Amino acid sequence: MKNFLSAIAACCAVLASPLVADEVTQEDLIAQIEAGGRNETSERRHRVEVEGCTLTTFFWKKIEGQDWVLWTSLTVPMESVDFVDFSGKGGMEYYFFDDGVPPTAVVLLKAKEGTSFTHEKPFLRTPKGKFERSPRGDGTTHYIESTNGVMIMHDGEGVRAKAEMFTKGYVRYVREYCTFTG
């Protein structure tokens, strides 16, 4: 009986611990990353999506005579990212904030050595090197290049909180769901 009561006490202690109180589900972290990656102004729209351990960014730009154009989309294997650390450069860890008008937050994701990201762009932007046609628009509107860096930039009120929400959620998500710890 004494061992049984000890086991119950230990269980209750674990359940009452701050680690359990801070538990967040995978879906919660995805929602946090996606909310932190969403931003819209009259000229730009940003969105990110997480599926498994892949992050896809979308940036639409308002183009005169064409309405909204997908200006850039990047596909990022989440565990292959090195965040650029701004803490020694007057920014915060993993993002930079400028409280100008409008306020701006920038998160830079760098590909780890030996990896790259898929970068989709419209043909309105001239390809700078080797590319392949995107399946979007039957290969006539967009192309795909490889890149080693991603910039997520948001303008407007609340962008500092979004950058922090995005980076904290991203780091935790990769640590908990994308990193082999075997």
Protein backbone atom coordinates (compact mmCIF):
# COMPACT_ATOMS: atom_id res chain seq x y z
CA MET A 1 0.00 0.00 0.00
CA LYS A 2 2.88 2.33 0.84
CA ASN A 3 4.37 1.87 -2.69
CA PHE A 4 0.95 2.50 -4.24
CA LEU A 5 0.57 5.78 -2.31
CA SER A 6 4.12 6.78 -3.23
CA ALA A 7 3.34 6.16 -6.90
CA ILE A 8 0.16 8.28 -6.70
CA ALA A 9 2.07 11.07 -4.94
CA ALA A 10 4.77 10.98 -7.60
CA CYS A 11 2.15 11.07 -10.36
CA CYS A 12 0.39 14.03 -8.75
CA ALA A 13 3.70 15.87 -8.39
CA VAL A 14 4.43 15.38 -12.09
CA LEU A 15 0.96 16.52 -13.09
CA ALA A 16 1.30 19.63 -10.95
CA SER A 17 4.78 20.48 -12.29
CA PRO A 18 5.33 23.53 -14.50
CA LEU A 19 6.49 21.30 -17.36
CA VAL A 20 3.08 19.73 -17.67
CA ALA A 21 1.33 23.06 -17.21
CA ASP A 22 3.44 24.38 -20.11
CA GLU A 23 2.68 21.45 -22.42
CA VAL A 24 1.65 22.56 -25.85
CA THR A 25 0.37 20.24 -28.56
CA GLN A 26 1.89 19.93 -32.01
CA GLU A 27 -1.21 21.62 -33.43
CA ASP A 28 -0.78 24.51 -30.96
CA LEU A 29 2.81 25.06 -32.07
CA ILE A 30 1.83 24.94 -35.75
CA ALA A 31 -0.89 27.52 -35.07
CA GLN A 32 1.65 29.69 -33.23
CA ILE A 33 4.17 29.53 -36.10
CA GLU A 34 1.50 30.23 -38.71
CA ALA A 35 0.06 33.16 -36.73
CA GLY A 36 3.55 34.60 -36.27
CA GLY A 37 4.20 34.30 -40.00
CA ARG A 38 0.99 36.02 -41.09
CA ASN A 39 1.02 39.73 -41.97
CA GLU A 40 -1.02 41.85 -44.33
CA THR A 41 -0.81 45.44 -45.51
CA SER A 42 -2.49 47.16 -48.45
CA GLU A 43 0.52 46.23 -50.63
CA ARG A 44 1.76 42.90 -49.20
CA ARG A 45 0.41 39.65 -47.84
CA HIS A 46 2.53 37.09 -45.98
CA ARG A 47 1.59 33.62 -44.81
CA VAL A 48 3.43 30.52 -43.68
CA GLU A 49 2.20 26.94 -43.50
CA VAL A 50 3.66 24.02 -41.57
CA GLU A 51 3.14 20.46 -42.74
CA GLY A 52 5.10 17.87 -40.83
CA CYS A 53 8.63 19.28 -40.68
CA THR A 54 8.32 21.48 -43.77
CA LEU A 55 7.63 25.20 -43.63
CA THR A 56 6.34 26.95 -46.74
CA THR A 57 6.32 30.74 -46.93
CA PHE A 58 4.10 32.77 -49.23
CA PHE A 59 4.48 36.45 -50.07
CA TRP A 60 1.98 38.11 -52.40
CA LYS A 61 2.60 41.57 -53.78
CA LYS A 62 0.02 43.95 -55.20
CA ILE A 63 1.05 44.55 -58.82
CA GLU A 64 -0.66 47.27 -60.82
CA GLY A 65 -2.89 45.77 -63.50
CA GLN A 66 -2.45 42.22 -62.13
CA ASP A 67 -3.97 42.39 -58.65
CA TRP A 68 -2.13 40.09 -56.18
CA VAL A 69 0.86 38.14 -57.51
CA LEU A 70 2.64 35.37 -55.62
CA TRP A 71 6.00 37.16 -55.44
CA THR A 72 7.92 34.53 -53.55
CA SER A 73 7.32 31.16 -51.96
CA LEU A 74 9.96 29.14 -50.17
CA THR A 75 9.89 25.52 -49.07
CA VAL A 76 12.07 24.96 -46.04
CA PRO A 77 12.95 21.63 -44.38
CA MET A 78 12.58 22.97 -40.84
CA GLU A 79 15.45 21.04 -39.26
CA SER A 80 17.90 22.38 -41.90
CA VAL A 81 17.58 26.00 -40.68
CA ASP A 82 20.12 28.09 -38.84
CA PHE A 83 18.53 31.25 -37.51
CA VAL A 84 20.59 34.40 -37.91
CA ASP A 85 21.26 35.61 -34.36
CA PHE A 86 20.76 39.39 -34.06
CA SER A 87 21.33 39.61 -30.29
CA GLY A 88 24.86 40.97 -30.69
CA LYS A 89 23.75 43.47 -33.34
CA GLY A 90 21.17 45.44 -31.37
CA GLY A 91 18.31 43.07 -32.19
CA MET A 92 16.72 40.17 -30.41
CA GLU A 93 17.78 36.57 -30.64
CA TYR A 94 16.68 35.37 -34.10
CA TYR A 95 14.91 38.53 -35.22
CA PHE A 96 15.52 42.22 -35.70
CA PHE A 97 13.00 44.91 -34.86
CA ASP A 98 12.89 48.53 -35.98
CA ASP A 99 10.27 50.72 -34.33
CA GLY A 100 10.18 53.18 -37.23
CA VAL A 101 7.05 54.09 -39.17
CA PRO A 102 5.73 51.55 -39.84
CA PRO A 103 7.42 49.23 -37.33
CA THR A 104 9.32 46.40 -39.06
CA ALA A 105 10.39 42.96 -37.89
CA VAL A 106 12.77 40.73 -39.84
CA VAL A 107 13.52 37.04 -39.29
CA LEU A 108 16.35 35.56 -41.36
CA LEU A 109 16.58 31.81 -41.87
CA LYS A 110 19.86 30.48 -43.24
CA ALA A 111 20.27 26.99 -44.72
CA LYS A 112 22.68 24.79 -42.81
CA GLU A 113 25.82 23.92 -44.74
CA GLY A 114 25.11 21.42 -47.50
CA THR A 115 21.40 22.23 -47.68
CA SER A 116 19.25 24.74 -49.57
CA PHE A 117 15.67 25.87 -49.87
CA THR A 118 13.32 25.74 -52.86
CA HIS A 119 12.45 29.29 -53.96
CA GLU A 120 9.51 29.93 -56.28
CA LYS A 121 9.22 33.30 -58.05
CA PRO A 122 7.13 34.79 -60.86
CA PHE A 123 8.70 35.37 -64.27
CA LEU A 124 8.05 39.07 -63.54
CA ARG A 125 11.37 38.66 -61.68
CA THR A 126 14.17 37.67 -64.03
CA PRO A 127 15.85 34.35 -63.13
CA LYS A 128 19.45 34.89 -62.00
CA GLY A 129 20.80 31.47 -62.79
CA LYS A 130 19.73 27.87 -63.12
CA PHE A 131 15.98 27.39 -62.69
CA GLU A 132 13.14 25.06 -63.53
CA ARG A 133 9.61 25.95 -64.44
CA SER A 134 7.07 25.74 -61.65
CA PRO A 135 3.93 23.67 -62.08
CA ARG A 136 2.05 26.83 -61.07
CA GLY A 137 0.44 28.40 -64.14
CA ASP A 138 1.48 25.41 -66.27
CA GLY A 139 5.09 26.57 -66.01
CA THR A 140 4.38 29.88 -67.69
CA THR A 141 4.00 32.18 -64.69
CA HIS A 142 6.51 31.00 -62.08
CA TYR A 143 9.91 29.32 -61.85
CA ILE A 144 11.89 27.58 -59.11
CA GLU A 145 15.45 28.31 -58.01
CA SER A 146 17.53 27.14 -55.09
CA THR A 147 18.51 29.55 -52.30
CA ASN A 148 20.45 29.47 -49.05
CA GLY A 149 18.50 32.13 -47.19
CA VAL A 150 14.99 33.23 -46.36
CA MET A 151 13.88 36.62 -45.07
CA ILE A 152 10.50 36.97 -43.42
CA MET A 153 9.74 40.68 -43.07
CA HIS A 154 6.59 42.18 -41.60
CA ASP A 155 5.51 45.81 -41.36
CA GLY A 156 2.90 47.33 -39.05
CA GLU A 157 1.70 47.26 -35.50
CA GLY A 158 2.31 44.12 -33.49
CA VAL A 159 5.10 42.77 -35.71
CA ARG A 160 7.62 42.49 -32.88
CA ALA A 161 5.28 40.12 -31.02
CA LYS A 162 4.71 38.16 -34.24
CA ALA A 163 8.45 37.74 -34.84
CA GLU A 164 8.92 36.52 -31.29
CA MET A 165 5.90 34.21 -31.53
CA PHE A 166 7.16 32.79 -34.82
CA THR A 167 10.74 32.15 -33.73
CA LYS A 168 9.92 30.71 -30.30
CA GLY A 169 7.29 28.42 -31.81
CA TYR A 170 9.62 27.37 -34.64
CA VAL A 171 12.55 26.54 -32.35
CA ARG A 172 10.34 24.57 -29.97
CA TYR A 173 8.53 22.76 -32.80
CA VAL A 174 11.78 21.62 -34.43
CA ARG A 175 13.20 20.52 -31.08
CA GLU A 176 10.08 18.53 -30.18
CA TYR A 177 8.90 17.19 -33.55
CA CYS A 178 11.67 17.36 -36.16
CA THR A 179 14.92 16.49 -34.44
CA PHE A 180 16.00 12.89 -34.13
CA THR A 181 17.03 12.32 -30.55
CA GLY A 182 17.48 8.51 -30.77
